[in-house]
PDB file of all heavy atoms in Angstrom:
ATOM      1  N   GLY A   1      -2.302  -5.703  -5.816  1.00  0.00           N
ATOM      2  CA  GLY A   1      -2.175  -4.594  -6.743  1.00  0.00           C
ATOM      3  C   GLY A   1      -2.456  -3.234  -6.138  1.00  0.00           C
ATOM      4  O   GLY A   1      -2.475  -2.230  -6.846  1.00  0.00           O
ATOM      5  N   VAL A   2      -2.673  -3.182  -4.823  1.00  0.00           N
ATOM      6  CA  VAL A   2      -3.019  -1.919  -4.159  1.00  0.00           C
ATOM      7  C   VAL A   2      -1.843  -0.947  -4.201  1.00  0.00           C
ATOM      8  O   VAL A   2      -2.001   0.213  -4.592  1.00  0.00           O
ATOM      9  CB  VAL A   2      -3.475  -2.171  -2.708  1.00  0.00           C
ATOM     10  CG1 VAL A   2      -3.696  -0.859  -1.974  1.00  0.00           C
ATOM     11  CG2 VAL A   2      -4.739  -3.019  -2.685  1.00  0.00           C
ATOM     12  N   LEU A   3      -0.677  -1.401  -3.796  1.00  0.00           N
ATOM     13  CA  LEU A   3       0.479  -0.497  -3.741  1.00  0.00           C
ATOM     14  C   LEU A   3       0.929  -0.070  -5.133  1.00  0.00           C
ATOM     15  O   LEU A   3       1.316   1.086  -5.338  1.00  0.00           O
ATOM     16  CB  LEU A   3       1.623  -1.155  -2.977  1.00  0.00           C
ATOM     17  CG  LEU A   3       1.293  -1.504  -1.515  1.00  0.00           C
ATOM     18  CD1 LEU A   3       2.465  -2.208  -0.864  1.00  0.00           C
ATOM     19  CD2 LEU A   3       0.892  -0.274  -0.741  1.00  0.00           C
ATOM     20  N   ALA A   4       0.851  -0.971  -6.097  1.00  0.00           N
ATOM     21  CA  ALA A   4       1.178  -0.603  -7.475  1.00  0.00           C
ATOM     22  C   ALA A   4       0.160   0.399  -8.007  1.00  0.00           C
ATOM     23  O   ALA A   4       0.516   1.302  -8.771  1.00  0.00           O
ATOM     24  CB  ALA A   4       1.222  -1.842  -8.360  1.00  0.00           C
ATOM     25  N   GLY A   5      -1.080   0.277  -7.593  1.00  0.00           N
ATOM     26  CA  GLY A   5      -2.102   1.246  -7.974  1.00  0.00           C
ATOM     27  C   GLY A   5      -1.809   2.626  -7.410  1.00  0.00           C
ATOM     28  O   GLY A   5      -1.968   3.640  -8.096  1.00  0.00           O
ATOM     29  N   PHE A   6      -1.383   2.678  -6.153  1.00  0.00           N
ATOM     30  CA  PHE A   6      -0.985   3.958  -5.561  1.00  0.00           C
ATOM     31  C   PHE A   6       0.208   4.546  -6.310  1.00  0.00           C
ATOM     32  O   PHE A   6       0.266   5.753  -6.542  1.00  0.00           O
ATOM     33  CB  PHE A   6      -0.625   3.794  -4.081  1.00  0.00           C
ATOM     34  CG  PHE A   6      -1.807   3.880  -3.167  1.00  0.00           C
ATOM     35  CD1 PHE A   6      -2.249   2.753  -2.492  1.00  0.00           C
ATOM     36  CD2 PHE A   6      -2.467   5.075  -2.962  1.00  0.00           C
ATOM     37  CE1 PHE A   6      -3.337   2.817  -1.638  1.00  0.00           C
ATOM     38  CE2 PHE A   6      -3.555   5.159  -2.110  1.00  0.00           C
ATOM     39  CZ  PHE A   6      -3.993   4.024  -1.446  1.00  0.00           C
ATOM     40  N   ALA A   7       1.172   3.705  -6.677  1.00  0.00           N
ATOM     41  CA  ALA A   7       2.348   4.188  -7.400  1.00  0.00           C
ATOM     42  C   ALA A   7       1.950   4.764  -8.757  1.00  0.00           C
ATOM     43  O   ALA A   7       2.451   5.823  -9.153  1.00  0.00           O
ATOM     44  CB  ALA A   7       3.354   3.057  -7.579  1.00  0.00           C
ATOM     45  N   GLU A   8       1.049   4.108  -9.466  1.00  0.00           N
ATOM     46  CA  GLU A   8       0.586   4.625 -10.754  1.00  0.00           C
ATOM     47  C   GLU A   8      -0.193   5.925 -10.560  1.00  0.00           C
ATOM     48  O   GLU A   8      -0.049   6.862 -11.340  1.00  0.00           O
ATOM     49  CB  GLU A   8      -0.294   3.595 -11.453  1.00  0.00           C
ATOM     50  CG  GLU A   8       0.471   2.398 -11.951  1.00  0.00           C
ATOM     51  CD  GLU A   8      -0.424   1.311 -12.526  1.00  0.00           C
ATOM     52  OE1 GLU A   8      -1.651   1.539 -12.664  1.00  0.00           O
ATOM     53  OE2 GLU A   8       0.104   0.237 -12.840  1.00  0.00           O
ATOM     54  N   TYR A   9      -1.017   5.994  -9.540  1.00  0.00           N
ATOM     55  CA  TYR A   9      -1.834   7.174  -9.295  1.00  0.00           C
ATOM     56  C   TYR A   9      -0.976   8.403  -8.997  1.00  0.00           C
ATOM     57  O   TYR A   9      -1.233   9.490  -9.494  1.00  0.00           O
ATOM     58  CB  TYR A   9      -2.796   6.908  -8.141  1.00  0.00           C
ATOM     59  CG  TYR A   9      -3.751   8.050  -7.865  1.00  0.00           C
ATOM     60  CD1 TYR A   9      -4.888   8.225  -8.651  1.00  0.00           C
ATOM     61  CD2 TYR A   9      -3.520   8.943  -6.836  1.00  0.00           C
ATOM     62  CE1 TYR A   9      -5.761   9.265  -8.405  1.00  0.00           C
ATOM     63  CE2 TYR A   9      -4.389   9.985  -6.578  1.00  0.00           C
ATOM     64  CZ  TYR A   9      -5.513  10.139  -7.372  1.00  0.00           C
ATOM     65  OH  TYR A   9      -6.370  11.180  -7.128  1.00  0.00           O
ATOM     66  N   PHE A  10       0.061   8.216  -8.167  1.00  0.00           N
ATOM     67  CA  PHE A  10       0.929   9.335  -7.788  1.00  0.00           C
ATOM     68  C   PHE A  10       2.152   9.479  -8.687  1.00  0.00           C
ATOM     69  O   PHE A  10       3.005  10.329  -8.442  1.00  0.00           O
ATOM     70  CB  PHE A  10       1.372   9.194  -6.329  1.00  0.00           C
ATOM     71  CG  PHE A  10       0.247   9.390  -5.351  1.00  0.00           C
ATOM     72  CD1 PHE A  10      -0.221   8.331  -4.600  1.00  0.00           C
ATOM     73  CD2 PHE A  10      -0.349  10.629  -5.192  1.00  0.00           C
ATOM     74  CE1 PHE A  10      -1.260   8.499  -3.696  1.00  0.00           C
ATOM     75  CE2 PHE A  10      -1.396  10.814  -4.301  1.00  0.00           C
ATOM     76  CZ  PHE A  10      -1.851   9.743  -3.546  1.00  0.00           C
ATOM     77  N   SER A  11       2.277   8.632  -9.705  1.00  0.00           N
ATOM     78  CA  SER A  11       3.390   8.665 -10.665  1.00  0.00           C
ATOM     79  C   SER A  11       4.745   8.565  -9.980  1.00  0.00           C
ATOM     80  O   SER A  11       5.656   9.360 -10.246  1.00  0.00           O
ATOM     81  CB  SER A  11       3.319   9.940 -11.521  1.00  0.00           C
ATOM     82  OG  SER A  11       2.122   9.985 -12.235  1.00  0.00           O
ATOM     83  N   VAL A  12       4.874   7.582  -9.096  1.00  0.00           N
ATOM     84  CA  VAL A  12       6.153   7.304  -8.441  1.00  0.00           C
ATOM     85  C   VAL A  12       6.496   5.833  -8.662  1.00  0.00           C
ATOM     86  O   VAL A  12       5.661   5.033  -9.069  1.00  0.00           O
ATOM     87  CB  VAL A  12       6.123   7.628  -6.926  1.00  0.00           C
ATOM     88  CG1 VAL A  12       5.930   9.104  -6.694  1.00  0.00           C
ATOM     89  CG2 VAL A  12       5.073   6.838  -6.216  1.00  0.00           C
ATOM     90  N   ASP A  13       7.738   5.496  -8.381  1.00  0.00           N
ATOM     91  CA  ASP A  13       8.200   4.130  -8.553  1.00  0.00           C
ATOM     92  C   ASP A  13       7.501   3.201  -7.568  1.00  0.00           C
ATOM     93  O   ASP A  13       7.374   3.506  -6.379  1.00  0.00           O
ATOM     94  CB  ASP A  13       9.715   4.081  -8.350  1.00  0.00           C
ATOM     95  CG  ASP A  13      10.303   2.732  -8.683  1.00  0.00           C
ATOM     96  OD1 ASP A  13       9.692   1.986  -9.479  1.00  0.00           O
ATOM     97  OD2 ASP A  13      11.381   2.417  -8.153  1.00  0.00           O
ATOM     98  N   VAL A  14       7.060   2.047  -8.051  1.00  0.00           N
ATOM     99  CA  VAL A  14       6.330   1.102  -7.211  1.00  0.00           C
ATOM    100  C   VAL A  14       7.212   0.561  -6.086  1.00  0.00           C
ATOM    101  O   VAL A  14       6.717   0.292  -4.984  1.00  0.00           O
ATOM    102  CB  VAL A  14       5.711  -0.027  -8.066  1.00  0.00           C
ATOM    103  CG1 VAL A  14       6.773  -0.920  -8.663  1.00  0.00           C
ATOM    104  CG2 VAL A  14       4.724  -0.831  -7.257  1.00  0.00           C
ATOM    105  N   ILE A  15       8.503   0.431  -6.322  1.00  0.00           N
ATOM    106  CA  ILE A  15       9.415  -0.052  -5.280  1.00  0.00           C
ATOM    107  C   ILE A  15       9.432   0.924  -4.104  1.00  0.00           C
ATOM    108  O   ILE A  15       9.418   0.518  -2.944  1.00  0.00           O
ATOM    109  CB  ILE A  15      10.838  -0.247  -5.843  1.00  0.00           C
ATOM    110  CG1 ILE A  15      10.839  -1.272  -6.966  1.00  0.00           C
ATOM    111  CG2 ILE A  15      11.802  -0.645  -4.733  1.00  0.00           C
ATOM    112  CD1 ILE A  15      10.447  -2.664  -6.550  1.00  0.00           C
ATOM    113  N   LEU A  16       9.450   2.218  -4.404  1.00  0.00           N
ATOM    114  CA  LEU A  16       9.444   3.235  -3.359  1.00  0.00           C
ATOM    115  C   LEU A  16       8.171   3.133  -2.511  1.00  0.00           C
ATOM    116  O   LEU A  16       8.229   3.185  -1.286  1.00  0.00           O
ATOM    117  CB  LEU A  16       9.565   4.624  -3.977  1.00  0.00           C
ATOM    118  CG  LEU A  16       9.544   5.802  -3.008  1.00  0.00           C
ATOM    119  CD1 LEU A  16      10.765   5.758  -2.104  1.00  0.00           C
ATOM    120  CD2 LEU A  16       9.475   7.103  -3.775  1.00  0.00           C
ATOM    121  N   VAL A  17       7.041   2.968  -3.154  1.00  0.00           N
ATOM    122  CA  VAL A  17       5.774   2.850  -2.425  1.00  0.00           C
ATOM    123  C   VAL A  17       5.778   1.602  -1.550  1.00  0.00           C
ATOM    124  O   VAL A  17       5.353   1.639  -0.391  1.00  0.00           O
ATOM    125  CB  VAL A  17       4.580   2.829  -3.406  1.00  0.00           C
ATOM    126  CG1 VAL A  17       3.278   2.547  -2.681  1.00  0.00           C
ATOM    127  CG2 VAL A  17       4.492   4.134  -4.161  1.00  0.00           C
ATOM    128  N   ARG A  18       6.291   0.492  -2.075  1.00  0.00           N
ATOM    129  CA  ARG A  18       6.325  -0.757  -1.300  1.00  0.00           C
ATOM    130  C   ARG A  18       7.269  -0.647  -0.102  1.00  0.00           C
ATOM    131  O   ARG A  18       6.954  -1.131   0.985  1.00  0.00           O
ATOM    132  CB  ARG A  18       6.728  -1.914  -2.206  1.00  0.00           C
ATOM    133  CG  ARG A  18       5.636  -2.280  -3.176  1.00  0.00           C
ATOM    134  CD  ARG A  18       6.045  -3.359  -4.143  1.00  0.00           C
ATOM    135  NE  ARG A  18       4.933  -3.687  -5.019  1.00  0.00           N
ATOM    136  CZ  ARG A  18       5.074  -4.158  -6.233  1.00  0.00           C
ATOM    137  NH1 ARG A  18       6.283  -4.382  -6.737  1.00  0.00           N
ATOM    138  NH2 ARG A  18       4.016  -4.425  -6.971  1.00  0.00           N
ATOM    139  N   VAL A  19       8.421  -0.003  -0.292  1.00  0.00           N
ATOM    140  CA  VAL A  19       9.368   0.167   0.818  1.00  0.00           C
ATOM    141  C   VAL A  19       8.764   1.062   1.899  1.00  0.00           C
ATOM    142  O   VAL A  19       8.839   0.745   3.094  1.00  0.00           O
ATOM    143  CB  VAL A  19      10.715   0.738   0.310  1.00  0.00           C
ATOM    144  CG1 VAL A  19      11.581   1.205   1.456  1.00  0.00           C
ATOM    145  CG2 VAL A  19      11.436  -0.301  -0.522  1.00  0.00           C
ATOM    146  N   ILE A  20       8.125   2.154   1.494  1.00  0.00           N
ATOM    147  CA  ILE A  20       7.475   3.048   2.471  1.00  0.00           C
ATOM    148  C   ILE A  20       6.384   2.303   3.223  1.00  0.00           C
ATOM    149  O   ILE A  20       6.263   2.419   4.443  1.00  0.00           O
ATOM    150  CB  ILE A  20       6.934   4.311   1.771  1.00  0.00           C
ATOM    151  CG1 ILE A  20       8.087   5.187   1.310  1.00  0.00           C
ATOM    152  CG2 ILE A  20       5.998   5.088   2.687  1.00  0.00           C
ATOM    153  CD1 ILE A  20       7.674   6.338   0.417  1.00  0.00           C
ATOM    154  N   TYR A  21       5.588   1.505   2.517  1.00  0.00           N
ATOM    155  CA  TYR A  21       4.517   0.734   3.159  1.00  0.00           C
ATOM    156  C   TYR A  21       5.089  -0.252   4.195  1.00  0.00           C
ATOM    157  O   TYR A  21       4.581  -0.355   5.316  1.00  0.00           O
ATOM    158  CB  TYR A  21       3.696  -0.020   2.118  1.00  0.00           C
ATOM    159  CG  TYR A  21       2.731  -0.993   2.729  1.00  0.00           C
ATOM    160  CD1 TYR A  21       1.547  -0.543   3.297  1.00  0.00           C
ATOM    161  CD2 TYR A  21       3.014  -2.351   2.786  1.00  0.00           C
ATOM    162  CE1 TYR A  21       0.666  -1.424   3.898  1.00  0.00           C
ATOM    163  CE2 TYR A  21       2.141  -3.234   3.376  1.00  0.00           C
ATOM    164  CZ  TYR A  21       0.968  -2.768   3.927  1.00  0.00           C
ATOM    165  OH  TYR A  21       0.108  -3.646   4.524  1.00  0.00           O
ATOM    166  N   VAL A  22       6.142  -0.967   3.820  1.00  0.00           N
ATOM    167  CA  VAL A  22       6.742  -1.943   4.741  1.00  0.00           C
ATOM    168  C   VAL A  22       7.298  -1.238   5.969  1.00  0.00           C
ATOM    169  O   VAL A  22       7.097  -1.688   7.105  1.00  0.00           O
ATOM    170  CB  VAL A  22       7.836  -2.774   4.027  1.00  0.00           C
ATOM    171  CG1 VAL A  22       8.664  -3.558   5.014  1.00  0.00           C
ATOM    172  CG2 VAL A  22       7.201  -3.700   3.008  1.00  0.00           C
ATOM    173  N   LEU A  23       7.996  -0.122   5.765  1.00  0.00           N
ATOM    174  CA  LEU A  23       8.553   0.604   6.907  1.00  0.00           C
ATOM    175  C   LEU A  23       7.450   1.136   7.822  1.00  0.00           C
ATOM    176  O   LEU A  23       7.541   1.013   9.053  1.00  0.00           O
ATOM    177  CB  LEU A  23       9.442   1.749   6.430  1.00  0.00           C
ATOM    178  CG  LEU A  23      10.756   1.331   5.774  1.00  0.00           C
ATOM    179  CD1 LEU A  23      11.487   2.546   5.217  1.00  0.00           C
ATOM    180  CD2 LEU A  23      11.620   0.566   6.749  1.00  0.00           C
ATOM    181  N   LEU A  24       6.404   1.707   7.243  1.00  0.00           N
ATOM    182  CA  LEU A  24       5.292   2.195   8.072  1.00  0.00           C
ATOM    183  C   LEU A  24       4.602   1.052   8.805  1.00  0.00           C
ATOM    184  O   LEU A  24       4.211   1.192   9.966  1.00  0.00           O
ATOM    185  CB  LEU A  24       4.284   2.954   7.206  1.00  0.00           C
ATOM    186  CG  LEU A  24       4.697   4.338   6.749  1.00  0.00           C
ATOM    187  CD1 LEU A  24       3.663   4.914   5.787  1.00  0.00           C
ATOM    188  CD2 LEU A  24       4.881   5.264   7.931  1.00  0.00           C
ATOM    189  N   SER A  25       4.462  -0.079   8.144  1.00  0.00           N
ATOM    190  CA  SER A  25       3.823  -1.233   8.799  1.00  0.00           C
ATOM    191  C   SER A  25       4.675  -1.758   9.951  1.00  0.00           C
ATOM    192  O   SER A  25       4.145  -2.119  10.999  1.00  0.00           O
ATOM    193  CB  SER A  25       3.586  -2.350   7.785  1.00  0.00           C
ATOM    194  OG  SER A  25       2.616  -1.959   6.857  1.00  0.00           O
ATOM    195  N   LEU A  26       5.985  -1.802   9.746  1.00  0.00           N
ATOM    196  CA  LEU A  26       6.862  -2.303  10.815  1.00  0.00           C
ATOM    197  C   LEU A  26       6.867  -1.371  12.018  1.00  0.00           C
ATOM    198  O   LEU A  26       6.847  -1.821  13.161  1.00  0.00           O
ATOM    199  CB  LEU A  26       8.289  -2.469  10.286  1.00  0.00           C
ATOM    200  CG  LEU A  26       8.503  -3.631   9.326  1.00  0.00           C
ATOM    201  CD1 LEU A  26       9.917  -3.599   8.784  1.00  0.00           C
ATOM    202  CD2 LEU A  26       8.209  -4.958   9.999  1.00  0.00           C
ATOM    203  N   PHE A  27       6.900  -0.058  11.753  1.00  0.00           N
ATOM    204  CA  PHE A  27       6.946   0.889  12.861  1.00  0.00           C
ATOM    205  C   PHE A  27       5.605   1.109  13.538  1.00  0.00           C
ATOM    206  O   PHE A  27       5.530   1.708  14.602  1.00  0.00           O
ATOM    207  CB  PHE A  27       7.542   2.224  12.399  1.00  0.00           C
ATOM    208  CG  PHE A  27       9.008   2.127  12.094  1.00  0.00           C
ATOM    209  CD1 PHE A  27       9.490   2.439  10.843  1.00  0.00           C
ATOM    210  CD2 PHE A  27       9.912   1.703  13.066  1.00  0.00           C
ATOM    211  CE1 PHE A  27      10.844   2.345  10.564  1.00  0.00           C
ATOM    212  CE2 PHE A  27      11.259   1.603  12.805  1.00  0.00           C
ATOM    213  CZ  PHE A  27      11.731   1.922  11.538  1.00  0.00           C
ATOM    214  N   SER A  28       4.532   0.619  12.926  1.00  0.00           N
ATOM    215  CA  SER A  28       3.218   0.723  13.567  1.00  0.00           C
ATOM    216  C   SER A  28       2.739  -0.644  14.035  1.00  0.00           C
ATOM    217  O   SER A  28       1.549  -0.886  14.144  1.00  0.00           O
ATOM    218  CB  SER A  28       2.208   1.337  12.601  1.00  0.00           C
ATOM    219  OG  SER A  28       2.003   0.468  11.508  1.00  0.00           O
ATOM    220  N   ALA A  29       3.658  -1.543  14.277  1.00  0.00           N
ATOM    221  CA  ALA A  29       3.395  -2.899  14.782  1.00  0.00           C
ATOM    222  C   ALA A  29       2.702  -3.788  13.757  1.00  0.00           C
ATOM    223  O   ALA A  29       2.121  -4.801  14.109  1.00  0.00           O
ATOM    224  CB  ALA A  29       2.602  -2.852  16.085  1.00  0.00           C
ATOM    225  N   GLY A  30       2.732  -3.419  12.469  1.00  0.00           N
ATOM    226  CA  GLY A  30       2.263  -4.296  11.410  1.00  0.00           C
ATOM    227  C   GLY A  30       0.775  -4.385  11.205  1.00  0.00           C
ATOM    228  O   GLY A  30       0.295  -4.352  10.097  1.00  0.00           O
ATOM    229  N   PHE A  31       0.015  -4.525  12.248  1.00  0.00           N
ATOM    230  CA  PHE A  31      -1.420  -4.775  12.119  1.00  0.00           C
ATOM    231  C   PHE A  31      -2.172  -3.655  11.414  1.00  0.00           C
ATOM    232  O   PHE A  31      -2.945  -3.929  10.493  1.00  0.00           O
ATOM    233  CB  PHE A  31      -2.039  -5.074  13.478  1.00  0.00           C
ATOM    234  CG  PHE A  31      -3.515  -5.341  13.406  1.00  0.00           C
ATOM    235  CD1 PHE A  31      -3.981  -6.522  12.853  1.00  0.00           C
ATOM    236  CD2 PHE A  31      -4.423  -4.407  13.848  1.00  0.00           C
ATOM    237  CE1 PHE A  31      -5.330  -6.777  12.764  1.00  0.00           C
ATOM    238  CE2 PHE A  31      -5.773  -4.635  13.764  1.00  0.00           C
ATOM    239  CZ  PHE A  31      -6.232  -5.831  13.216  1.00  0.00           C
ATOM    240  N   PRO A  32      -1.980  -2.377  11.787  1.00  0.00           N
ATOM    241  CA  PRO A  32      -2.731  -1.336  11.074  1.00  0.00           C
ATOM    242  C   PRO A  32      -2.410  -1.300   9.578  1.00  0.00           C
ATOM    243  O   PRO A  32      -3.304  -1.095   8.763  1.00  0.00           O
ATOM    244  CB  PRO A  32      -2.299  -0.035  11.751  1.00  0.00           C
ATOM    245  CG  PRO A  32      -1.837  -0.456  13.100  1.00  0.00           C
ATOM    246  CD  PRO A  32      -1.235  -1.821  12.911  1.00  0.00           C
ATOM    247  N   GLY A  33      -1.164  -1.523   9.217  1.00  0.00           N
ATOM    248  CA  GLY A  33      -0.796  -1.531   7.802  1.00  0.00           C
ATOM    249  C   GLY A  33      -1.473  -2.648   7.046  1.00  0.00           C
ATOM    250  O   GLY A  33      -1.962  -2.460   5.934  1.00  0.00           O
ATOM    251  N   LEU A  34      -1.535  -3.822   7.638  1.00  0.00           N
ATOM    252  CA  LEU A  34      -2.199  -4.959   7.010  1.00  0.00           C
ATOM    253  C   LEU A  34      -3.697  -4.718   6.899  1.00  0.00           C
ATOM    254  O   LEU A  34      -4.314  -4.994   5.866  1.00  0.00           O
ATOM    255  CB  LEU A  34      -1.925  -6.236   7.800  1.00  0.00           C
ATOM    256  CG  LEU A  34      -2.524  -7.520   7.246  1.00  0.00           C
ATOM    257  CD1 LEU A  34      -1.978  -7.807   5.856  1.00  0.00           C
ATOM    258  CD2 LEU A  34      -2.223  -8.667   8.184  1.00  0.00           C
ATOM    259  N   LEU A  35      -4.281  -4.170   7.929  1.00  0.00           N
ATOM    260  CA  LEU A  35      -5.716  -3.878   7.921  1.00  0.00           C
ATOM    261  C   LEU A  35      -6.052  -2.833   6.852  1.00  0.00           C
ATOM    262  O   LEU A  35      -7.019  -2.994   6.093  1.00  0.00           O
ATOM    263  CB  LEU A  35      -6.161  -3.392   9.300  1.00  0.00           C
ATOM    264  CG  LEU A  35      -7.645  -3.128   9.475  1.00  0.00           C
ATOM    265  CD1 LEU A  35      -8.435  -4.409   9.267  1.00  0.00           C
ATOM    266  CD2 LEU A  35      -7.916  -2.560  10.856  1.00  0.00           C
ATOM    267  N   VAL A  36      -5.259  -1.782   6.745  1.00  0.00           N
ATOM    268  CA  VAL A  36      -5.480  -0.752   5.733  1.00  0.00           C
ATOM    269  C   VAL A  36      -5.329  -1.343   4.334  1.00  0.00           C
ATOM    270  O   VAL A  36      -6.120  -1.053   3.427  1.00  0.00           O
ATOM    271  CB  VAL A  36      -4.515   0.442   5.947  1.00  0.00           C
ATOM    272  CG1 VAL A  36      -4.511   1.379   4.764  1.00  0.00           C
ATOM    273  CG2 VAL A  36      -4.882   1.173   7.221  1.00  0.00           C
ATOM    274  N   TYR A  37      -4.326  -2.220   4.135  1.00  0.00           N
ATOM    275  CA  TYR A  37      -4.128  -2.851   2.835  1.00  0.00           C
ATOM    276  C   TYR A  37      -5.356  -3.679   2.452  1.00  0.00           C
ATOM    277  O   TYR A  37      -5.838  -3.603   1.315  1.00  0.00           O
ATOM    278  CB  TYR A  37      -2.880  -3.746   2.852  1.00  0.00           C
ATOM    279  CG  TYR A  37      -2.530  -4.276   1.486  1.00  0.00           C
ATOM    280  CD1 TYR A  37      -1.643  -3.601   0.674  1.00  0.00           C
ATOM    281  CD2 TYR A  37      -3.105  -5.451   1.004  1.00  0.00           C
ATOM    282  CE1 TYR A  37      -1.322  -4.068  -0.583  1.00  0.00           C
ATOM    283  CE2 TYR A  37      -2.799  -5.925  -0.253  1.00  0.00           C
ATOM    284  CZ  TYR A  37      -1.913  -5.236  -1.044  1.00  0.00           C
ATOM    285  OH  TYR A  37      -1.613  -5.696  -2.294  1.00  0.00           O
ATOM    286  N   ILE A  38      -5.863  -4.462   3.381  1.00  0.00           N
ATOM    287  CA  ILE A  38      -7.032  -5.301   3.103  1.00  0.00           C
ATOM    288  C   ILE A  38      -8.253  -4.442   2.782  1.00  0.00           C
ATOM    289  O   ILE A  38      -9.022  -4.764   1.864  1.00  0.00           O
ATOM    290  CB  ILE A  38      -7.301  -6.254   4.287  1.00  0.00           C
ATOM    291  CG1 ILE A  38      -6.175  -7.288   4.359  1.00  0.00           C
ATOM    292  CG2 ILE A  38      -8.652  -6.925   4.157  1.00  0.00           C
ATOM    293  CD1 ILE A  38      -6.194  -8.131   5.610  1.00  0.00           C
ATOM    294  N   ILE A  39      -8.430  -3.347   3.494  1.00  0.00           N
ATOM    295  CA  ILE A  39      -9.567  -2.454   3.220  1.00  0.00           C
ATOM    296  C   ILE A  39      -9.440  -1.862   1.814  1.00  0.00           C
ATOM    297  O   ILE A  39     -10.405  -1.854   1.043  1.00  0.00           O
ATOM    298  CB  ILE A  39      -9.666  -1.355   4.292  1.00  0.00           C
ATOM    299  CG1 ILE A  39     -10.111  -1.964   5.623  1.00  0.00           C
ATOM    300  CG2 ILE A  39     -10.617  -0.254   3.854  1.00  0.00           C
ATOM    301  CD1 ILE A  39     -10.013  -1.030   6.803  1.00  0.00           C
ATOM    302  N   PHE A  40      -8.245  -1.349   1.476  1.00  0.00           N
ATOM    303  CA  PHE A  40      -8.056  -0.786   0.133  1.00  0.00           C
ATOM    304  C   PHE A  40      -8.219  -1.857  -0.941  1.00  0.00           C
ATOM    305  O   PHE A  40      -8.735  -1.591  -2.024  1.00  0.00           O
ATOM    306  CB  PHE A  40      -6.698  -0.097  -0.001  1.00  0.00           C
ATOM    307  CG  PHE A  40      -6.718   1.330   0.416  1.00  0.00           C
ATOM    308  CD1 PHE A  40      -6.146   1.725   1.612  1.00  0.00           C
ATOM    309  CD2 PHE A  40      -7.310   2.294  -0.378  1.00  0.00           C
ATOM    310  CE1 PHE A  40      -6.174   3.048   2.005  1.00  0.00           C
ATOM    311  CE2 PHE A  40      -7.343   3.622  -0.001  1.00  0.00           C
ATOM    312  CZ  PHE A  40      -6.770   4.004   1.203  1.00  0.00           C
ATOM    313  N   TRP A  41      -7.778  -3.083  -0.682  1.00  0.00           N
ATOM    314  CA  TRP A  41      -7.933  -4.172  -1.644  1.00  0.00           C
ATOM    315  C   TRP A  41      -9.413  -4.458  -1.891  1.00  0.00           C
ATOM    316  O   TRP A  41      -9.830  -4.700  -3.019  1.00  0.00           O
ATOM    317  CB  TRP A  41      -7.218  -5.422  -1.135  1.00  0.00           C
ATOM    318  CG  TRP A  41      -7.402  -6.597  -2.039  1.00  0.00           C
ATOM    319  CD1 TRP A  41      -6.771  -6.827  -3.230  1.00  0.00           C
ATOM    320  CD2 TRP A  41      -8.283  -7.695  -1.827  1.00  0.00           C
ATOM    321  NE1 TRP A  41      -7.215  -8.004  -3.766  1.00  0.00           N
ATOM    322  CE2 TRP A  41      -8.140  -8.558  -2.917  1.00  0.00           C
ATOM    323  CE3 TRP A  41      -9.171  -8.024  -0.813  1.00  0.00           C
ATOM    324  CZ2 TRP A  41      -8.862  -9.738  -3.028  1.00  0.00           C
ATOM    325  CZ3 TRP A  41      -9.889  -9.200  -0.930  1.00  0.00           C
ATOM    326  CH2 TRP A  41      -9.726 -10.041  -2.025  1.00  0.00           C
ATOM    327  N   ALA A  42     -10.220  -4.416  -0.841  1.00  0.00           N
ATOM    328  CA  ALA A  42     -11.649  -4.699  -0.971  1.00  0.00           C
ATOM    329  C   ALA A  42     -12.414  -3.555  -1.613  1.00  0.00           C
ATOM    330  O   ALA A  42     -13.390  -3.780  -2.336  1.00  0.00           O
ATOM    331  CB  ALA A  42     -12.230  -5.014   0.404  1.00  0.00           C
ATOM    332  N   VAL A  43     -11.981  -2.317  -1.387  1.00  0.00           N
ATOM    333  CA  VAL A  43     -12.743  -1.144  -1.825  1.00  0.00           C
ATOM    334  C   VAL A  43     -12.317  -0.646  -3.207  1.00  0.00           C
ATOM    335  O   VAL A  43     -13.146  -0.180  -3.983  1.00  0.00           O
ATOM    336  CB  VAL A  43     -12.597  -0.014  -0.782  1.00  0.00           C
ATOM    337  CG1 VAL A  43     -13.221   1.277  -1.259  1.00  0.00           C
ATOM    338  CG2 VAL A  43     -13.218  -0.444   0.535  1.00  0.00           C
ATOM    339  N   THR A  44     -11.047  -0.756  -3.532  1.00  0.00           N
ATOM    340  CA  THR A  44     -10.522  -0.192  -4.775  1.00  0.00           C
ATOM    341  C   THR A  44     -10.802  -1.139  -5.944  1.00  0.00           C
ATOM    342  O   THR A  44     -10.453  -2.313  -5.883  1.00  0.00           O
ATOM    343  CB  THR A  44      -9.003   0.032  -4.660  1.00  0.00           C
ATOM    344  OG1 THR A  44      -8.736   0.776  -3.473  1.00  0.00           O
ATOM    345  CG2 THR A  44      -8.462   0.778  -5.853  1.00  0.00           C
ATOM    346  N   PRO A  45     -11.408  -0.630  -7.016  1.00  0.00           N
ATOM    347  CA  PRO A  45     -11.686  -1.498  -8.173  1.00  0.00           C
ATOM    348  C   PRO A  45     -10.412  -1.825  -8.934  1.00  0.00           C
ATOM    349  O   PRO A  45      -9.441  -1.066  -8.922  1.00  0.00           O
ATOM    350  CB  PRO A  45     -12.631  -0.653  -9.031  1.00  0.00           C
ATOM    351  CG  PRO A  45     -12.313   0.752  -8.681  1.00  0.00           C
ATOM    352  CD  PRO A  45     -11.891   0.734  -7.234  1.00  0.00           C
ATOM    353  N   GLU A  46     -10.419  -2.965  -9.615  1.00  0.00           N
ATOM    354  CA  GLU A  46      -9.277  -3.344 -10.434  1.00  0.00           C
ATOM    355  C   GLU A  46      -9.282  -2.522 -11.714  1.00  0.00           C
ATOM    356  O   GLU A  46     -10.337  -2.172 -12.241  1.00  0.00           O
ATOM    357  CB  GLU A  46      -9.315  -4.834 -10.767  1.00  0.00           C
ATOM    358  CG  GLU A  46      -8.043  -5.315 -11.395  1.00  0.00           C
ATOM    359  CD  GLU A  46      -7.914  -6.827 -11.366  1.00  0.00           C
ATOM    360  OE1 GLU A  46      -8.833  -7.498 -10.906  1.00  0.00           O
ATOM    361  OE2 GLU A  46      -6.867  -7.299 -11.823  1.00  0.00           O
ATOM    362  N   LYS A  47      -8.097  -2.212 -12.195  1.00  0.00           N
ATOM    363  CA  LYS A  47      -7.959  -1.401 -13.406  1.00  0.00           C
ATOM    364  C   LYS A  47      -8.586  -2.147 -14.582  1.00  0.00           C
ATOM    365  O   LYS A  47      -8.314  -3.325 -14.802  1.00  0.00           O
ATOM    366  CB  LYS A  47      -6.471  -1.155 -13.665  1.00  0.00           C
ATOM    367  CG  LYS A  47      -6.182  -0.195 -14.765  1.00  0.00           C
ATOM    368  CD  LYS A  47      -4.688   0.054 -14.822  1.00  0.00           C
ATOM    369  CE  LYS A  47      -4.336   1.134 -15.788  1.00  0.00           C
ATOM    370  NZ  LYS A  47      -2.890   1.362 -15.806  1.00  0.00           N
TER     371      LYS A  47
END
């Protein structure tokens, strides 16, 4: 629910946020994107 949370926070389409995340993860060799996602998942409270 991290990316959907970002989409709600910035009032943008969740698909757009997910596509941007995937592209950034692929171009940064994947690992930093996955690590950032896990950190946000652990730190961000559920709605």
